[in-house]
Amino acid sequence: MPTYDYICNDCKKMYEYFQTMSDAPIKECPKCKENSLRRVISGGTGLIFKGSGYYLTDYKNKKNQSSKNKKSNKNKKDNTSKKKVES
């Protein structure tokens, strides 16, 4: 459910309300009781994950990770080919 910001045109007090998108805008200011409340466009907070089970590594760029693996595998191959073989 989105959070909407409201500001009163009379007393200039700002409020936040949780409302569904289909709810009508609130008109009456809780402080001065006038019908001068208007909805303000806010920047929003984006997507927030709360709770356990979300890890930073879950959403890392897979492309960068695979290129790192290729480099480490190449280094391992180079090291094994440079070993001296004694006869």
Protein backbone atom coordinates (compact mmCIF):
# COMPACT_ATOMS: atom_id res chain seq x y z
CA MET A 1 0.00 0.00 0.00
CA PRO A 2 1.52 3.36 -0.98
CA THR A 3 2.26 6.21 1.40
CA TYR A 4 0.88 9.56 0.31
CA ASP A 5 2.11 12.94 1.53
CA TYR A 6 -0.43 15.67 2.24
CA ILE A 7 0.05 19.33 3.11
CA CYS A 8 -2.50 21.77 4.50
CA ASN A 9 -2.77 25.01 2.54
CA ASP A 10 -3.91 26.90 5.66
CA CYS A 11 -1.67 25.72 8.53
CA LYS A 12 1.18 24.34 6.32
CA LYS A 13 1.36 21.12 8.39
CA MET A 14 2.52 18.01 6.50
CA TYR A 15 1.08 14.49 6.95
CA GLU A 16 1.70 10.98 5.64
CA TYR A 17 -1.10 8.48 5.13
CA PHE A 18 -1.13 4.84 4.02
CA GLN A 19 -3.88 4.50 1.45
CA THR A 20 -4.79 2.20 -1.38
CA MET A 21 -4.46 3.64 -4.84
CA SER A 22 -8.23 3.60 -5.32
CA ASP A 23 -8.96 5.63 -2.15
CA ALA A 24 -10.16 9.21 -2.59
CA PRO A 25 -7.74 11.93 -1.44
CA ILE A 26 -8.21 13.20 2.10
CA LYS A 27 -9.55 16.76 2.20
CA GLU A 28 -9.89 17.69 5.90
CA CYS A 29 -6.81 18.72 7.88
CA PRO A 30 -6.65 16.93 11.26
CA LYS A 31 -5.12 20.01 12.95
CA CYS A 32 -7.13 23.00 11.73
CA LYS A 33 -10.22 21.02 10.55
CA GLU A 34 -10.39 22.95 7.26
CA ASN A 35 -10.94 21.34 3.84
CA SER A 36 -7.60 22.58 2.58
CA LEU A 37 -5.53 19.39 2.57
CA ARG A 38 -3.91 18.50 -0.76
CA ARG A 39 -1.88 15.52 -1.91
CA VAL A 40 1.77 16.25 -2.67
CA ILE A 41 3.83 14.33 -5.21
CA SER A 42 6.72 12.73 -3.36
CA GLY A 43 9.85 10.95 -4.50
CA GLY A 44 8.85 7.72 -2.82
CA THR A 45 11.17 5.26 -1.17
CA GLY A 46 11.61 2.70 -3.91
CA LEU A 47 11.57 -0.98 -3.16
CA ILE A 48 12.39 -1.97 0.40
CA PHE A 49 13.02 -5.54 1.54
CA LYS A 50 12.28 -6.08 5.21
CA GLY A 51 12.76 -9.21 7.26
CA SER A 52 15.11 -12.13 7.17
CA GLY A 53 15.93 -14.01 4.02
CA TYR A 54 17.24 -11.18 1.86
CA TYR A 55 20.96 -11.11 1.19
CA LEU A 56 23.15 -8.65 -0.62
CA THR A 57 24.53 -11.45 -2.78
CA ASP A 58 21.07 -12.45 -4.05
CA TYR A 59 20.94 -9.59 -6.55
CA LYS A 60 24.55 -9.14 -7.57
CA ASN A 61 25.33 -8.77 -11.23
CA LYS A 62 25.76 -12.29 -12.60
CA LYS A 63 27.89 -11.07 -15.51
CA ASN A 64 30.63 -9.67 -13.26
CA GLN A 65 30.62 -12.80 -11.14
CA SER A 66 31.03 -15.13 -14.13
CA SER A 67 33.91 -13.07 -15.52
CA LYS A 68 35.68 -13.31 -12.15
CA ASN A 69 35.24 -17.09 -12.19
CA LYS A 70 36.72 -17.29 -15.69
CA LYS A 71 39.77 -15.28 -14.58
CA SER A 72 40.33 -17.45 -11.51
CA ASN A 73 39.99 -20.62 -13.62
CA LYS A 74 42.50 -19.25 -16.13
CA ASN A 75 44.99 -18.49 -13.35
CA LYS A 76 44.62 -22.04 -12.00
CA LYS A 77 45.30 -23.50 -15.47
CA ASP A 78 48.37 -21.29 -15.92
CA ASN A 79 49.77 -22.35 -12.55
CA THR A 80 49.38 -26.06 -13.26
CA SER A 81 51.00 -25.79 -16.71
CA LYS A 82 54.08 -24.05 -15.27
CA LYS A 83 54.92 -26.81 -12.83
CA LYS A 84 58.24 -28.47 -13.49
CA VAL A 85 58.17 -32.13 -14.25
CA GLU A 86 61.18 -34.02 -12.91
CA SER A 87 62.43 -37.05 -14.78
